[in-house]
Each structure stands twice: as C-alpha cells, then as structure tokens.
Amino acid sequence: MCCRAAAAAAPDTQELIDDLIHAARAGDVEDIREAFAAGAPIDGRDGNGTTALMMAAANGHREALSALLGAGAGVNAVNSS
C-alpha cells in the first residue's frame, strides 16, 4: 500500500522533461542536474519537439549548454516547426 502511494506521487516522464526544459530555458544548471537526478531523459521533447539543449541555445545559456552537452544531449535534433 505504501509503495503504491509513493508511485502515484512520483512525477511522470513528461513532467520531468518539462522541468528539464524549463530549467534549460532559465539557464539554471542546478535545476538541470536535479532533473537528471530525478530521471529526466536528456533528449526528452515537449509538445513542439523542443529539447532542453534547444532551449538553452536559444536563450544563450552557455553553462546550461555545457551541462547538457556533458550529459550527452543530442546536437542533431530538430523540432516540429
């Protein structure tokens, strides 16, 4: 019973991806690392096909880019638009 409640409280994959992309958009390296630790997939995409790496690059966040690239983010991804 306790394990089922813990599983219900765990964030789903899309929520983790959204957290990672939000952190990348803000350039928040600590939150990027926390998202990875929570299980966010490095190349997860939002509804538009945007990755965290794209967001960090679009907003000029060099440290966030470095953290994402160091974690193995794919550099050849393209989004839906």
Protein backbone atom coordinates (compact mmCIF):
# COMPACT_ATOMS: atom_id res chain seq x y z
CA MET A 1 0.00 0.00 0.00
CA CYS A 2 2.76 2.46 0.87
CA CYS A 3 4.62 1.65 -2.34
CA ARG A 4 1.55 2.29 -4.48
CA ALA A 5 1.15 5.72 -2.85
CA ALA A 6 4.82 6.51 -3.48
CA ALA A 7 4.48 5.52 -7.13
CA ALA A 8 1.43 7.74 -7.52
CA ALA A 9 3.38 10.70 -6.12
CA ALA A 10 6.32 10.21 -8.50
CA PRO A 11 6.38 12.65 -11.41
CA ASP A 12 5.67 11.19 -14.84
CA THR A 13 8.24 11.32 -17.62
CA GLN A 14 6.67 14.29 -19.42
CA GLU A 15 6.65 16.27 -16.20
CA LEU A 16 10.36 15.55 -15.76
CA ILE A 17 11.02 16.59 -19.36
CA ASP A 18 9.06 19.81 -18.85
CA ASP A 19 11.07 20.55 -15.70
CA LEU A 20 14.32 19.98 -17.58
CA ILE A 21 13.29 22.20 -20.49
CA HIS A 22 12.13 24.93 -18.10
CA ALA A 23 15.48 24.79 -16.27
CA ALA A 24 17.33 24.99 -19.61
CA ARG A 25 15.20 27.95 -20.70
CA ALA A 26 16.14 29.73 -17.47
CA GLY A 27 19.79 28.66 -17.62
CA ASP A 28 19.51 27.06 -14.19
CA VAL A 29 22.29 24.46 -14.13
CA GLU A 30 21.42 23.26 -10.63
CA ASP A 31 17.82 22.55 -11.68
CA ILE A 32 19.10 20.83 -14.83
CA ARG A 33 21.19 18.50 -12.68
CA GLU A 34 18.25 17.90 -10.35
CA ALA A 35 16.05 16.99 -13.32
CA PHE A 36 18.67 14.45 -14.46
CA ALA A 37 18.89 13.02 -10.95
CA ALA A 38 15.11 12.65 -10.91
CA GLY A 39 15.25 10.68 -14.15
CA ALA A 40 14.53 13.23 -16.88
CA PRO A 41 15.64 11.87 -20.25
CA ILE A 42 18.39 14.07 -21.72
CA ASP A 43 16.76 14.33 -25.14
CA GLY A 44 13.16 14.43 -23.99
CA ARG A 45 10.88 16.71 -26.01
CA ASP A 46 7.96 18.99 -25.27
CA GLY A 47 4.78 19.09 -27.37
CA ASN A 48 6.58 21.06 -30.10
CA GLY A 49 9.51 18.66 -30.29
CA THR A 50 11.81 21.08 -28.46
CA THR A 51 14.65 19.70 -26.33
CA ALA A 52 16.40 21.23 -23.34
CA LEU A 53 19.51 21.75 -25.48
CA MET A 54 17.50 23.78 -27.99
CA MET A 55 16.07 25.92 -25.20
CA ALA A 56 19.45 26.60 -23.61
CA ALA A 57 20.93 27.50 -27.00
CA ALA A 58 18.01 29.73 -27.99
CA ASN A 59 18.41 31.69 -24.77
CA GLY A 60 22.21 31.92 -24.83
CA HIS A 61 22.83 29.98 -21.62
CA ARG A 62 26.40 28.73 -22.08
CA GLU A 63 26.72 26.98 -18.70
CA ALA A 64 23.43 25.17 -19.27
CA LEU A 65 24.61 24.16 -22.76
CA SER A 66 27.81 22.82 -21.28
CA ALA A 67 25.92 20.80 -18.66
CA LEU A 68 23.55 19.36 -21.26
CA LEU A 69 26.30 18.53 -23.74
CA GLY A 70 28.39 17.00 -20.96
CA ALA A 71 25.43 14.75 -20.11
CA GLY A 72 25.24 13.59 -23.73
CA ALA A 73 22.47 15.73 -25.24
CA GLY A 74 21.99 15.11 -28.94
CA VAL A 75 23.07 18.01 -31.12
CA ASN A 76 21.24 16.98 -34.28
CA ALA A 77 17.66 17.14 -33.01
CA VAL A 78 15.10 19.27 -34.86
CA ASN A 79 11.74 20.40 -33.56
CA SER A 80 8.34 20.32 -35.21
CA SER A 81 8.42 23.87 -36.55
